[in-house]
Amino acid sequence: MKLQALEDRLLNPMMQVGMMVLVSFVLTFLSIRYLSQLHNFDPLPSLIGRSEEPSNLIKIRTGLFVNNFLNFDLIKNEFTVLGTVWFEFDQKEVSLEVLEQSMFSKGEAEGQASLRGKYEVVVPVVQRDGDRVYAQYPVKIDFITNLDYKLFPFDSHRLYMTLNNVYLDADKFEFIADQDSFTISPNLLIFGWEVAGQQVYVGAASKPLTAKRSSIYPRVIYAIDFKRNSFKDLLLLLLPLLVSFFMGMFTFSYNHETYRSSILSIGIATVSAMMAYRYVISNNSPHVPYFMIVDWLFVLFLLLSFTVFLINVFDLFTKQRGMVVAALYLILIGTWCALLYWWA
């Protein structure tokens, strides 16, 4: 009798509303907690390190100041940065004209003939102190980067800009840069995202000449970490799925003998709406060949809603409907948590 009373309470409409509110709160808490942390899986280009630093290398100090992003499109992987590149060097060791051949590129995967990076050089600001030269170049850099979208829309990202100079031999020259060489304007503002950190990596890259021969040139990687500070994408993509699922779950509170046709109509409408909403998710998500979290969650909501529909069609678990409701909510919360904290 006590178990049956509990079953009836779980199917009570007000209890159903209370469970929906509780489930929404738990999912929101899990999501906010996850978004507050930096989760980065974006790969960086490779660098050739040296086990022992040669003492006779000609050192060229360089750095980058990022003033603003003119274009910041993570979905299309298109970015435009307005900033300043600078070099400090000895004019007896290397010429300004050679350093002007430095280029920003997507990375090692692209050849020089098909670089997407765009390095627009204007008249530099040059200061001289004897043989020491300090040259600044205002630049606009159009670039793409390696992005891993498997966490979308819970993702953080690391964007990188790679400075290469294939006209310098890394066995004779090296770029010198550190954290102080890479600065970002405090007025940088990108709606929905915030800067969570920055790194500088210095080394060399290889350029194959033949099957058995290659040359190396100096490389600097400037990386910026971004994390979300907006829930817009999360709400727009996942809230409609959650609402549709709740509508299907609410049919368990109906009298199945009196409202059977209405229950089945709601079930069909719920599953159909989710199938149609898949096109909305596709149009507002990155186009990648692998599954993202938003795809897994869509499959989860679709399977749970279809399960509710089948239970109603075949009148399954007629005496355990309350436990079925609790079990489905626990599956939703458990899978949501697993996708965020274990699968990723």
C-alpha atoms as a PDB file:
ATOM      1  CA  MET A   1       0.000   0.000   0.000  1.00  0.00           C
ATOM      2  CA  LYS A   2       2.809   2.424   0.839  1.00  0.00           C
ATOM      3  CA  LEU A   3       4.517   1.691  -2.479  1.00  0.00           C
ATOM      4  CA  GLN A   4       1.266   2.279  -4.374  1.00  0.00           C
ATOM      5  CA  ALA A   5       0.752   5.553  -2.510  1.00  0.00           C
ATOM      6  CA  LEU A   6       4.224   6.647  -3.560  1.00  0.00           C
ATOM      7  CA  GLU A   7       3.447   5.688  -7.157  1.00  0.00           C
ATOM      8  CA  ASP A   8       0.300   7.809  -7.085  1.00  0.00           C
ATOM      9  CA  ARG A   9       2.169  10.757  -5.595  1.00  0.00           C
ATOM     10  CA  LEU A  10       4.838  10.639  -8.299  1.00  0.00           C
ATOM     11  CA  LEU A  11       2.106  10.743 -10.967  1.00  0.00           C
ATOM     12  CA  ASN A  12       0.319  13.679  -9.362  1.00  0.00           C
ATOM     13  CA  PRO A  13       0.399  16.687 -11.754  1.00  0.00           C
ATOM     14  CA  MET A  14       1.812  19.020  -9.104  1.00  0.00           C
ATOM     15  CA  MET A  15       4.443  16.453  -8.180  1.00  0.00           C
ATOM     16  CA  GLN A  16       5.314  16.150 -11.870  1.00  0.00           C
ATOM     17  CA  VAL A  17       5.767  19.917 -12.119  1.00  0.00           C
ATOM     18  CA  GLY A  18       7.922  19.830  -8.998  1.00  0.00           C
ATOM     19  CA  MET A  19      10.139  17.097 -10.459  1.00  0.00           C
ATOM     20  CA  MET A  20      10.483  19.049 -13.717  1.00  0.00           C
ATOM     21  CA  VAL A  21      11.618  22.107 -11.777  1.00  0.00           C
ATOM     22  CA  LEU A  22      14.048  19.997  -9.752  1.00  0.00           C
ATOM     23  CA  VAL A  23      15.478  18.290 -12.842  1.00  0.00           C
ATOM     24  CA  SER A  24      15.861  21.666 -14.576  1.00  0.00           C
ATOM     25  CA  PHE A  25      17.700  23.039 -11.549  1.00  0.00           C
ATOM     26  CA  VAL A  26      20.067  20.045 -11.386  1.00  0.00           C
ATOM     27  CA  LEU A  27      20.861  20.219 -15.120  1.00  0.00           C
ATOM     28  CA  THR A  28      21.405  23.980 -14.881  1.00  0.00           C
ATOM     29  CA  PHE A  29      23.730  23.561 -11.888  1.00  0.00           C
ATOM     30  CA  LEU A  30      25.768  20.864 -13.658  1.00  0.00           C
ATOM     31  CA  SER A  31      26.035  23.022 -16.782  1.00  0.00           C
ATOM     32  CA  ILE A  32      27.009  26.243 -14.970  1.00  0.00           C
ATOM     33  CA  ARG A  33      29.626  24.425 -12.903  1.00  0.00           C
ATOM     34  CA  TYR A  34      31.107  22.871 -16.040  1.00  0.00           C
ATOM     35  CA  LEU A  35      31.110  26.129 -18.035  1.00  0.00           C
ATOM     36  CA  SER A  36      32.882  27.960 -15.208  1.00  0.00           C
ATOM     37  CA  GLN A  37      35.967  25.785 -15.838  1.00  0.00           C
ATOM     38  CA  LEU A  38      38.293  25.777 -18.834  1.00  0.00           C
ATOM     39  CA  HIS A  39      38.034  22.611 -20.929  1.00  0.00           C
ATOM     40  CA  ASN A  40      40.349  22.786 -23.890  1.00  0.00           C
ATOM     41  CA  PHE A  41      41.000  20.070 -26.475  1.00  0.00           C
ATOM     42  CA  ASP A  42      42.154  22.214 -29.412  1.00  0.00           C
ATOM     43  CA  PRO A  43      45.506  20.944 -30.779  1.00  0.00           C
ATOM     44  CA  LEU A  44      48.461  23.229 -31.447  1.00  0.00           C
ATOM     45  CA  PRO A  45      50.945  22.922 -34.324  1.00  0.00           C
ATOM     46  CA  SER A  46      54.042  20.906 -33.554  1.00  0.00           C
ATOM     47  CA  LEU A  47      57.356  22.468 -32.639  1.00  0.00           C
ATOM     48  CA  ILE A  48      60.827  21.009 -33.034  1.00  0.00           C
ATOM     49  CA  GLY A  49      62.604  21.314 -29.724  1.00  0.00           C
ATOM     50  CA  ARG A  50      66.300  21.209 -29.053  1.00  0.00           C
ATOM     51  CA  SER A  51      67.740  18.915 -26.438  1.00  0.00           C
ATOM     52  CA  GLU A  52      70.618  21.350 -26.017  1.00  0.00           C
ATOM     53  CA  GLU A  53      70.513  25.049 -26.840  1.00  0.00           C
ATOM     54  CA  PRO A  54      73.354  26.081 -29.219  1.00  0.00           C
ATOM     55  CA  SER A  55      75.248  29.128 -27.994  1.00  0.00           C
ATOM     56  CA  ASN A  56      75.994  30.540 -31.425  1.00  0.00           C
ATOM     57  CA  LEU A  57      72.389  31.094 -32.600  1.00  0.00           C
ATOM     58  CA  ILE A  58      71.433  34.604 -33.678  1.00  0.00           C
ATOM     59  CA  LYS A  59      68.578  35.674 -31.431  1.00  0.00           C
ATOM     60  CA  ILE A  60      65.690  37.793 -32.694  1.00  0.00           C
ATOM     61  CA  ARG A  61      63.252  39.024 -30.084  1.00  0.00           C
ATOM     62  CA  THR A  62      59.665  39.248 -31.256  1.00  0.00           C
ATOM     63  CA  GLY A  63      56.224  39.798 -29.802  1.00  0.00           C
ATOM     64  CA  LEU A  64      52.572  40.444 -30.573  1.00  0.00           C
ATOM     65  CA  PHE A  65      50.039  42.904 -29.208  1.00  0.00           C
ATOM     66  CA  VAL A  66      46.370  42.023 -29.826  1.00  0.00           C
ATOM     67  CA  ASN A  67      44.232  45.129 -29.918  1.00  0.00           C
ATOM     68  CA  ASN A  68      40.883  43.694 -30.992  1.00  0.00           C
ATOM     69  CA  PHE A  69      39.079  41.011 -32.976  1.00  0.00           C
ATOM     70  CA  LEU A  70      37.380  42.390 -36.070  1.00  0.00           C
ATOM     71  CA  ASN A  71      35.870  38.983 -36.780  1.00  0.00           C
ATOM     72  CA  PHE A  72      35.325  36.214 -34.242  1.00  0.00           C
ATOM     73  CA  ASP A  73      33.305  33.323 -35.675  1.00  0.00           C
ATOM     74  CA  LEU A  74      33.929  30.053 -33.885  1.00  0.00           C
ATOM     75  CA  ILE A  75      31.216  28.212 -35.815  1.00  0.00           C
ATOM     76  CA  LYS A  76      32.791  28.982 -39.220  1.00  0.00           C
ATOM     77  CA  ASN A  77      36.356  29.032 -37.843  1.00  0.00           C
ATOM     78  CA  GLU A  78      37.094  32.502 -39.224  1.00  0.00           C
ATOM     79  CA  PHE A  79      38.978  35.171 -37.278  1.00  0.00           C
ATOM     80  CA  THR A  80      40.476  38.598 -37.931  1.00  0.00           C
ATOM     81  CA  VAL A  81      42.826  40.235 -35.442  1.00  0.00           C
ATOM     82  CA  LEU A  82      43.972  43.837 -35.346  1.00  0.00           C
ATOM     83  CA  GLY A  83      47.305  44.184 -33.596  1.00  0.00           C
ATOM     84  CA  THR A  84      50.992  44.986 -33.699  1.00  0.00           C
ATOM     85  CA  VAL A  85      53.944  42.696 -34.390  1.00  0.00           C
ATOM     86  CA  TRP A  86      57.397  43.796 -33.309  1.00  0.00           C
ATOM     87  CA  PHE A  87      60.982  42.630 -33.768  1.00  0.00           C
ATOM     88  CA  GLU A  88      64.135  43.579 -31.884  1.00  0.00           C
ATOM     89  CA  PHE A  89      67.398  42.531 -33.540  1.00  0.00           C
ATOM     90  CA  ASP A  90      70.937  43.448 -34.536  1.00  0.00           C
ATOM     91  CA  GLN A  91      71.006  44.849 -38.070  1.00  0.00           C
ATOM     92  CA  LYS A  92      74.502  43.394 -38.585  1.00  0.00           C
ATOM     93  CA  GLU A  93      73.099  39.896 -38.091  1.00  0.00           C
ATOM     94  CA  VAL A  94      69.805  40.050 -39.991  1.00  0.00           C
ATOM     95  CA  SER A  95      68.103  42.608 -42.216  1.00  0.00           C
ATOM     96  CA  LEU A  96      64.719  44.202 -41.762  1.00  0.00           C
ATOM     97  CA  GLU A  97      63.727  43.068 -45.255  1.00  0.00           C
ATOM     98  CA  VAL A  98      64.210  39.401 -44.323  1.00  0.00           C
ATOM     99  CA  LEU A  99      62.113  39.747 -41.163  1.00  0.00           C
ATOM    100  CA  GLU A 100      59.339  41.348 -43.195  1.00  0.00           C
ATOM    101  CA  GLN A 101      58.981  37.986 -44.955  1.00  0.00           C
ATOM    102  CA  SER A 102      57.608  36.513 -41.715  1.00  0.00           C
ATOM    103  CA  MET A 103      54.087  35.210 -42.160  1.00  0.00           C
ATOM    104  CA  PHE A 104      51.164  34.178 -40.008  1.00  0.00           C
ATOM    105  CA  SER A 105      49.638  30.916 -41.111  1.00  0.00           C
ATOM    106  CA  LYS A 106      47.039  28.385 -40.111  1.00  0.00           C
ATOM    107  CA  GLY A 107      49.767  26.028 -39.044  1.00  0.00           C
ATOM    108  CA  GLU A 108      51.984  23.236 -40.116  1.00  0.00           C
ATOM    109  CA  ALA A 109      49.282  21.317 -41.983  1.00  0.00           C
ATOM    110  CA  GLU A 110      49.052  23.935 -44.744  1.00  0.00           C
ATOM    111  CA  GLY A 111      51.740  24.566 -47.353  1.00  0.00           C
ATOM    112  CA  GLN A 112      53.102  28.037 -47.982  1.00  0.00           C
ATOM    113  CA  ALA A 113      51.335  28.227 -51.334  1.00  0.00           C
ATOM    114  CA  SER A 114      47.910  27.829 -49.749  1.00  0.00           C
ATOM    115  CA  LEU A 115      48.216  29.800 -46.551  1.00  0.00           C
ATOM    116  CA  ARG A 116      44.955  31.155 -45.234  1.00  0.00           C
ATOM    117  CA  GLY A 117      46.773  33.528 -42.892  1.00  0.00           C
ATOM    118  CA  LYS A 118      47.074  37.069 -44.211  1.00  0.00           C
ATOM    119  CA  TYR A 119      49.917  39.298 -43.103  1.00  0.00           C
ATOM    120  CA  GLU A 120      49.269  42.859 -44.240  1.00  0.00           C
ATOM    121  CA  VAL A 121      52.420  44.926 -43.697  1.00  0.00           C
ATOM    122  CA  VAL A 122      52.339  48.727 -43.636  1.00  0.00           C
ATOM    123  CA  VAL A 123      55.216  51.153 -43.187  1.00  0.00           C
ATOM    124  CA  PRO A 124      56.873  50.048 -39.932  1.00  0.00           C
ATOM    125  CA  VAL A 125      57.718  52.225 -36.967  1.00  0.00           C
ATOM    126  CA  VAL A 126      61.505  51.776 -36.680  1.00  0.00           C
ATOM    127  CA  GLN A 127      63.707  52.879 -33.804  1.00  0.00           C
ATOM    128  CA  ARG A 128      67.483  52.465 -33.805  1.00  0.00           C
ATOM    129  CA  ASP A 129      69.996  52.429 -30.998  1.00  0.00           C
ATOM    130  CA  GLY A 130      73.359  51.874 -32.635  1.00  0.00           C
ATOM    131  CA  ASP A 131      73.128  48.510 -34.360  1.00  0.00           C
ATOM    132  CA  ARG A 132      70.032  47.498 -32.387  1.00  0.00           C
ATOM    133  CA  VAL A 133      66.769  47.929 -34.292  1.00  0.00           C
ATOM    134  CA  TYR A 134      63.245  47.886 -32.860  1.00  0.00           C
ATOM    135  CA  ALA A 135      60.579  47.627 -35.602  1.00  0.00           C
ATOM    136  CA  GLN A 136      56.800  47.669 -35.086  1.00  0.00           C
ATOM    137  CA  TYR A 137      54.294  46.568 -37.712  1.00  0.00           C
ATOM    138  CA  PRO A 138      50.593  47.355 -37.377  1.00  0.00           C
ATOM    139  CA  VAL A 139      48.905  44.288 -38.869  1.00  0.00           C
ATOM    140  CA  LYS A 140      45.541  42.773 -39.639  1.00  0.00           C
ATOM    141  CA  ILE A 141      45.695  39.006 -39.470  1.00  0.00           C
ATOM    142  CA  ASP A 142      43.028  36.822 -41.092  1.00  0.00           C
ATOM    143  CA  PHE A 143      43.437  33.274 -39.886  1.00  0.00           C
ATOM    144  CA  ILE A 144      41.837  29.956 -39.134  1.00  0.00           C
ATOM    145  CA  THR A 145      42.876  27.578 -36.376  1.00  0.00           C
ATOM    146  CA  ASN A 146      42.524  23.969 -35.249  1.00  0.00           C
ATOM    147  CA  LEU A 147      39.286  23.659 -33.287  1.00  0.00           C
ATOM    148  CA  ASP A 148      37.848  20.625 -31.497  1.00  0.00           C
ATOM    149  CA  TYR A 149      34.058  20.961 -31.227  1.00  0.00           C
ATOM    150  CA  LYS A 150      33.214  17.752 -29.378  1.00  0.00           C
ATOM    151  CA  LEU A 151      32.123  19.739 -26.288  1.00  0.00           C
ATOM    152  CA  PHE A 152      29.819  22.114 -28.208  1.00  0.00           C
ATOM    153  CA  PRO A 153      27.878  23.988 -26.783  1.00  0.00           C
ATOM    154  CA  PHE A 154      29.793  23.487 -23.508  1.00  0.00           C
ATOM    155  CA  ASP A 155      33.113  24.143 -25.221  1.00  0.00           C
ATOM    156  CA  SER A 156      36.126  26.302 -24.438  1.00  0.00           C
ATOM    157  CA  HIS A 157      38.684  27.015 -27.134  1.00  0.00           C
ATOM    158  CA  ARG A 158      42.332  27.838 -27.665  1.00  0.00           C
ATOM    159  CA  LEU A 159      42.978  30.020 -30.707  1.00  0.00           C
ATOM    160  CA  TYR A 160      46.505  30.280 -31.988  1.00  0.00           C
ATOM    161  CA  MET A 161      48.436  32.446 -34.430  1.00  0.00           C
ATOM    162  CA  THR A 162      51.647  30.988 -35.805  1.00  0.00           C
ATOM    163  CA  LEU A 163      54.490  33.275 -36.875  1.00  0.00           C
ATOM    164  CA  ASN A 164      56.911  31.613 -39.317  1.00  0.00           C
ATOM    165  CA  ASN A 165      59.848  32.815 -41.357  1.00  0.00           C
ATOM    166  CA  VAL A 166      60.890  30.250 -43.937  1.00  0.00           C
ATOM    167  CA  TYR A 167      63.719  32.521 -45.117  1.00  0.00           C
ATOM    168  CA  LEU A 168      65.614  32.021 -41.858  1.00  0.00           C
ATOM    169  CA  ASP A 169      67.536  28.852 -41.039  1.00  0.00           C
ATOM    170  CA  ALA A 170      66.645  27.619 -37.561  1.00  0.00           C
ATOM    171  CA  ASP A 171      70.177  26.225 -37.245  1.00  0.00           C
ATOM    172  CA  LYS A 172      71.445  29.812 -37.356  1.00  0.00           C
ATOM    173  CA  PHE A 173      68.536  31.950 -36.131  1.00  0.00           C
ATOM    174  CA  GLU A 174      65.921  31.658 -33.413  1.00  0.00           C
ATOM    175  CA  PHE A 175      62.971  33.712 -32.323  1.00  0.00           C
ATOM    176  CA  ILE A 176      62.903  34.737 -28.670  1.00  0.00           C
ATOM    177  CA  ALA A 177      59.511  35.397 -27.067  1.00  0.00           C
ATOM    178  CA  ASP A 178      57.991  34.983 -23.618  1.00  0.00           C
ATOM    179  CA  GLN A 179      54.757  35.773 -21.805  1.00  0.00           C
ATOM    180  CA  ASP A 180      55.672  39.458 -21.550  1.00  0.00           C
ATOM    181  CA  SER A 181      56.097  39.551 -25.333  1.00  0.00           C
ATOM    182  CA  PHE A 182      52.467  38.604 -25.909  1.00  0.00           C
ATOM    183  CA  THR A 183      49.982  41.191 -24.659  1.00  0.00           C
ATOM    184  CA  ILE A 184      46.236  41.553 -25.098  1.00  0.00           C
ATOM    185  CA  SER A 185      44.354  44.822 -24.815  1.00  0.00           C
ATOM    186  CA  PRO A 186      42.362  45.070 -21.563  1.00  0.00           C
ATOM    187  CA  ASN A 187      39.578  46.622 -23.646  1.00  0.00           C
ATOM    188  CA  LEU A 188      39.205  43.490 -25.773  1.00  0.00           C
ATOM    189  CA  LEU A 189      35.506  42.582 -25.800  1.00  0.00           C
ATOM    190  CA  ILE A 190      33.952  39.549 -27.491  1.00  0.00           C
ATOM    191  CA  PHE A 191      30.306  39.027 -26.628  1.00  0.00           C
ATOM    192  CA  GLY A 192      29.678  35.587 -25.184  1.00  0.00           C
ATOM    193  CA  TRP A 193      33.362  34.823 -24.581  1.00  0.00           C
ATOM    194  CA  GLU A 194      36.082  35.907 -22.196  1.00  0.00           C
ATOM    195  CA  VAL A 195      39.857  35.543 -22.277  1.00  0.00           C
ATOM    196  CA  ALA A 196      40.898  32.835 -19.814  1.00  0.00           C
ATOM    197  CA  GLY A 197      44.643  32.787 -20.476  1.00  0.00           C
ATOM    198  CA  GLN A 198      47.421  33.149 -23.006  1.00  0.00           C
ATOM    199  CA  GLN A 199      50.599  31.262 -23.838  1.00  0.00           C
ATOM    200  CA  VAL A 200      53.650  31.657 -26.053  1.00  0.00           C
ATOM    201  CA  TYR A 201      55.553  28.712 -27.537  1.00  0.00           C
ATOM    202  CA  VAL A 202      58.901  29.142 -29.304  1.00  0.00           C
ATOM    203  CA  GLY A 203      60.748  26.632 -31.436  1.00  0.00           C
ATOM    204  CA  ALA A 204      61.203  25.551 -35.020  1.00  0.00           C
ATOM    205  CA  ALA A 205      59.220  23.834 -37.753  1.00  0.00           C
ATOM    206  CA  SER A 206      60.286  21.546 -40.559  1.00  0.00           C
ATOM    207  CA  LYS A 207      59.820  22.096 -44.285  1.00  0.00           C
ATOM    208  CA  PRO A 208      60.370  18.947 -46.417  1.00  0.00           C
ATOM    209  CA  LEU A 209      62.490  19.510 -49.521  1.00  0.00           C
ATOM    210  CA  THR A 210      62.804  15.939 -50.729  1.00  0.00           C
ATOM    211  CA  ALA A 211      61.843  12.533 -49.380  1.00  0.00           C
ATOM    212  CA  LYS A 212      65.046  12.420 -47.346  1.00  0.00           C
ATOM    213  CA  ARG A 213      65.898  16.052 -46.849  1.00  0.00           C
ATOM    214  CA  SER A 214      64.226  18.945 -45.064  1.00  0.00           C
ATOM    215  CA  SER A 215      64.997  22.381 -43.701  1.00  0.00           C
ATOM    216  CA  ILE A 216      63.914  23.976 -40.464  1.00  0.00           C
ATOM    217  CA  TYR A 217      62.857  27.533 -39.791  1.00  0.00           C
ATOM    218  CA  PRO A 218      62.004  29.440 -36.586  1.00  0.00           C
ATOM    219  CA  ARG A 219      58.406  29.540 -35.350  1.00  0.00           C
ATOM    220  CA  VAL A 220      56.449  31.292 -32.600  1.00  0.00           C
ATOM    221  CA  ILE A 221      52.949  30.215 -31.562  1.00  0.00           C
ATOM    222  CA  TYR A 222      50.725  32.769 -29.820  1.00  0.00           C
ATOM    223  CA  ALA A 223      47.762  31.047 -28.169  1.00  0.00           C
ATOM    224  CA  ILE A 224      44.716  32.570 -26.437  1.00  0.00           C
ATOM    225  CA  ASP A 225      42.269  30.583 -24.297  1.00  0.00           C
ATOM    226  CA  PHE A 226      38.593  31.530 -24.422  1.00  0.00           C
ATOM    227  CA  LYS A 227      35.698  30.259 -22.345  1.00  0.00           C
ATOM    228  CA  ARG A 228      31.997  30.995 -22.568  1.00  0.00           C
ATOM    229  CA  ASN A 229      30.369  33.624 -20.374  1.00  0.00           C
ATOM    230  CA  SER A 230      26.967  33.366 -22.062  1.00  0.00           C
ATOM    231  CA  PHE A 231      24.274  30.669 -21.975  1.00  0.00           C
ATOM    232  CA  LYS A 232      22.599  31.747 -25.217  1.00  0.00           C
ATOM    233  CA  ASP A 233      23.731  28.793 -27.358  1.00  0.00           C
ATOM    234  CA  LEU A 234      23.032  26.372 -24.535  1.00  0.00           C
ATOM    235  CA  LEU A 235      19.477  27.613 -24.005  1.00  0.00           C
ATOM    236  CA  LEU A 236      18.577  27.995 -27.677  1.00  0.00           C
ATOM    237  CA  LEU A 237      19.779  24.500 -28.586  1.00  0.00           C
ATOM    238  CA  LEU A 238      18.831  22.417 -25.544  1.00  0.00           C
ATOM    239  CA  LEU A 239      15.854  24.134 -23.871  1.00  0.00           C
ATOM    240  CA  PRO A 240      13.382  23.205 -26.668  1.00  0.00           C
ATOM    241  CA  LEU A 241      14.470  19.558 -26.356  1.00  0.00           C
ATOM    242  CA  LEU A 242      13.987  19.656 -22.592  1.00  0.00           C
ATOM    243  CA  VAL A 243      10.534  21.264 -22.888  1.00  0.00           C
ATOM    244  CA  SER A 244       9.419  18.685 -25.481  1.00  0.00           C
ATOM    245  CA  PHE A 245      10.618  15.885 -23.233  1.00  0.00           C
ATOM    246  CA  PHE A 246       8.716  17.347 -20.269  1.00  0.00           C
ATOM    247  CA  MET A 247       5.552  17.490 -22.376  1.00  0.00           C
ATOM    248  CA  GLY A 248       5.875  13.804 -23.120  1.00  0.00           C
ATOM    249  CA  MET A 249       6.558  12.959 -19.471  1.00  0.00           C
ATOM    250  CA  PHE A 250       3.466  14.860 -18.367  1.00  0.00           C
ATOM    251  CA  THR A 251       1.260  12.354 -20.209  1.00  0.00           C
ATOM    252  CA  PHE A 252       1.920   9.873 -17.382  1.00  0.00           C
ATOM    253  CA  SER A 253      -0.278  12.057 -15.172  1.00  0.00           C
ATOM    254  CA  TYR A 254      -3.279  11.628 -17.494  1.00  0.00           C
ATOM    255  CA  ASN A 255      -5.930   8.956 -17.049  1.00  0.00           C
ATOM    256  CA  HIS A 256      -4.920   6.497 -19.742  1.00  0.00           C
ATOM    257  CA  GLU A 257      -8.405   5.063 -20.181  1.00  0.00           C
ATOM    258  CA  THR A 258     -10.093   8.436 -20.597  1.00  0.00           C
ATOM    259  CA  TYR A 259      -7.438  10.393 -22.492  1.00  0.00           C
ATOM    260  CA  ARG A 260      -5.671   7.666 -24.462  1.00  0.00           C
ATOM    261  CA  SER A 261      -6.079   9.364 -27.858  1.00  0.00           C
ATOM    262  CA  SER A 262      -4.782  12.669 -26.482  1.00  0.00           C
ATOM    263  CA  ILE A 263      -1.825  10.931 -24.854  1.00  0.00           C
ATOM    264  CA  LEU A 264      -0.849   9.230 -28.111  1.00  0.00           C
ATOM    265  CA  SER A 265      -1.265  12.488 -30.039  1.00  0.00           C
ATOM    266  CA  ILE A 266       1.050  14.282 -27.610  1.00  0.00           C
ATOM    267  CA  GLY A 267       3.593  11.463 -27.911  1.00  0.00           C
ATOM    268  CA  ILE A 268       3.580  11.607 -31.713  1.00  0.00           C
ATOM    269  CA  ALA A 269       3.808  15.401 -31.659  1.00  0.00           C
ATOM    270  CA  THR A 270       6.727  15.314 -29.203  1.00  0.00           C
ATOM    271  CA  VAL A 271       8.801  12.860 -31.220  1.00  0.00           C
ATOM    272  CA  SER A 272       7.969  14.624 -34.499  1.00  0.00           C
ATOM    273  CA  ALA A 273       8.907  18.022 -33.054  1.00  0.00           C
ATOM    274  CA  MET A 274      12.279  16.678 -31.923  1.00  0.00           C
ATOM    275  CA  MET A 275      12.964  15.187 -35.352  1.00  0.00           C
ATOM    276  CA  ALA A 276      12.157  18.520 -36.996  1.00  0.00           C
ATOM    277  CA  TYR A 277      14.238  20.422 -34.467  1.00  0.00           C
ATOM    278  CA  ARG A 278      17.285  18.439 -35.570  1.00  0.00           C
ATOM    279  CA  TYR A 279      17.555  20.762 -38.582  1.00  0.00           C
ATOM    280  CA  VAL A 280      17.693  23.775 -36.269  1.00  0.00           C
ATOM    281  CA  ILE A 281      20.532  22.173 -34.299  1.00  0.00           C
ATOM    282  CA  SER A 282      22.418  21.365 -37.514  1.00  0.00           C
ATOM    283  CA  ASN A 283      22.098  24.919 -38.831  1.00  0.00           C
ATOM    284  CA  ASN A 284      23.374  26.440 -35.577  1.00  0.00           C
ATOM    285  CA  SER A 285      26.201  24.008 -34.855  1.00  0.00           C
ATOM    286  CA  PRO A 286      29.663  23.503 -36.388  1.00  0.00           C
ATOM    287  CA  HIS A 287      29.656  21.159 -39.378  1.00  0.00           C
ATOM    288  CA  VAL A 288      31.991  18.384 -38.280  1.00  0.00           C
ATOM    289  CA  PRO A 289      32.000  14.628 -39.081  1.00  0.00           C
ATOM    290  CA  TYR A 290      32.087  13.503 -35.438  1.00  0.00           C
ATOM    291  CA  PHE A 291      29.509  13.585 -32.646  1.00  0.00           C
ATOM    292  CA  MET A 292      29.406  16.606 -30.357  1.00  0.00           C
ATOM    293  CA  ILE A 293      27.742  16.755 -26.945  1.00  0.00           C
ATOM    294  CA  VAL A 294      24.734  18.489 -28.516  1.00  0.00           C
ATOM    295  CA  ASP A 295      24.333  15.482 -30.837  1.00  0.00           C
ATOM    296  CA  TRP A 296      24.532  12.983 -27.996  1.00  0.00           C
ATOM    297  CA  LEU A 297      21.988  14.986 -25.987  1.00  0.00           C
ATOM    298  CA  PHE A 298      19.655  15.137 -28.978  1.00  0.00           C
ATOM    299  CA  VAL A 299      19.856  11.339 -29.305  1.00  0.00           C
ATOM    300  CA  LEU A 300      19.248  11.001 -25.558  1.00  0.00           C
ATOM    301  CA  PHE A 301      16.120  13.189 -25.586  1.00  0.00           C
ATOM    302  CA  LEU A 302      14.816  11.461 -28.719  1.00  0.00           C
ATOM    303  CA  LEU A 303      15.279   7.971 -27.264  1.00  0.00           C
ATOM    304  CA  LEU A 304      13.704   8.937 -23.928  1.00  0.00           C
ATOM    305  CA  SER A 305      10.724  10.558 -25.657  1.00  0.00           C
ATOM    306  CA  PHE A 306      10.290   7.544 -27.930  1.00  0.00           C
ATOM    307  CA  THR A 307      10.456   5.289 -24.872  1.00  0.00           C
ATOM    308  CA  VAL A 308       7.648   7.310 -23.254  1.00  0.00           C
ATOM    309  CA  PHE A 309       5.639   6.975 -26.462  1.00  0.00           C
ATOM    310  CA  LEU A 310       6.108   3.192 -26.591  1.00  0.00           C
ATOM    311  CA  ILE A 311       5.136   2.806 -22.927  1.00  0.00           C
ATOM    312  CA  ASN A 312       1.915   4.702 -23.630  1.00  0.00           C
ATOM    313  CA  VAL A 313       1.159   2.843 -26.863  1.00  0.00           C
ATOM    314  CA  PHE A 314       1.469  -0.637 -25.331  1.00  0.00           C
ATOM    315  CA  ASP A 315       0.256   0.338 -21.843  1.00  0.00           C
ATOM    316  CA  LEU A 316       3.430  -0.978 -20.250  1.00  0.00           C
ATOM    317  CA  PHE A 317       4.204  -0.754 -16.512  1.00  0.00           C
ATOM    318  CA  THR A 318       0.632   0.262 -15.713  1.00  0.00           C
ATOM    319  CA  LYS A 319       1.212  -0.247 -11.998  1.00  0.00           C
ATOM    320  CA  GLN A 320       4.761   1.133 -11.887  1.00  0.00           C
ATOM    321  CA  ARG A 321       4.348   4.363 -13.856  1.00  0.00           C
ATOM    322  CA  GLY A 322       5.630   6.470 -10.951  1.00  0.00           C
ATOM    323  CA  MET A 323       8.869   4.507 -10.809  1.00  0.00           C
ATOM    324  CA  VAL A 324       9.189   4.757 -14.579  1.00  0.00           C
ATOM    325  CA  VAL A 325       8.931   8.557 -14.312  1.00  0.00           C
ATOM    326  CA  ALA A 326      11.626   8.650 -11.615  1.00  0.00           C
ATOM    327  CA  ALA A 327      13.847   6.263 -13.598  1.00  0.00           C
ATOM    328  CA  LEU A 328      13.628   8.332 -16.797  1.00  0.00           C
ATOM    329  CA  TYR A 329      14.560  11.522 -14.950  1.00  0.00           C
ATOM    330  CA  LEU A 330      17.494   9.763 -13.292  1.00  0.00           C
ATOM    331  CA  ILE A 331      18.666   8.479 -16.695  1.00  0.00           C
ATOM    332  CA  LEU A 332      18.512  12.030 -18.063  1.00  0.00           C
ATOM    333  CA  ILE A 333      20.503  13.514 -15.177  1.00  0.00           C
ATOM    334  CA  GLY A 334      23.009  10.656 -15.086  1.00  0.00           C
ATOM    335  CA  THR A 335      23.683  10.740 -18.834  1.00  0.00           C
ATOM    336  CA  TRP A 336      23.969  14.561 -18.836  1.00  0.00           C
ATOM    337  CA  CYS A 337      26.524  14.355 -16.026  1.00  0.00           C
ATOM    338  CA  ALA A 338      28.400  11.494 -17.705  1.00  0.00           C
ATOM    339  CA  LEU A 339      28.689  13.358 -21.012  1.00  0.00           C
ATOM    340  CA  LEU A 340      30.086  16.458 -19.306  1.00  0.00           C
ATOM    341  CA  TYR A 341      32.370  15.010 -16.669  1.00  0.00           C
ATOM    342  CA  TRP A 342      33.397  11.557 -17.915  1.00  0.00           C
ATOM    343  CA  TRP A 343      32.965  11.246 -21.680  1.00  0.00           C
ATOM    344  CA  ALA A 344      34.600  14.620 -22.380  1.00  0.00           C
END
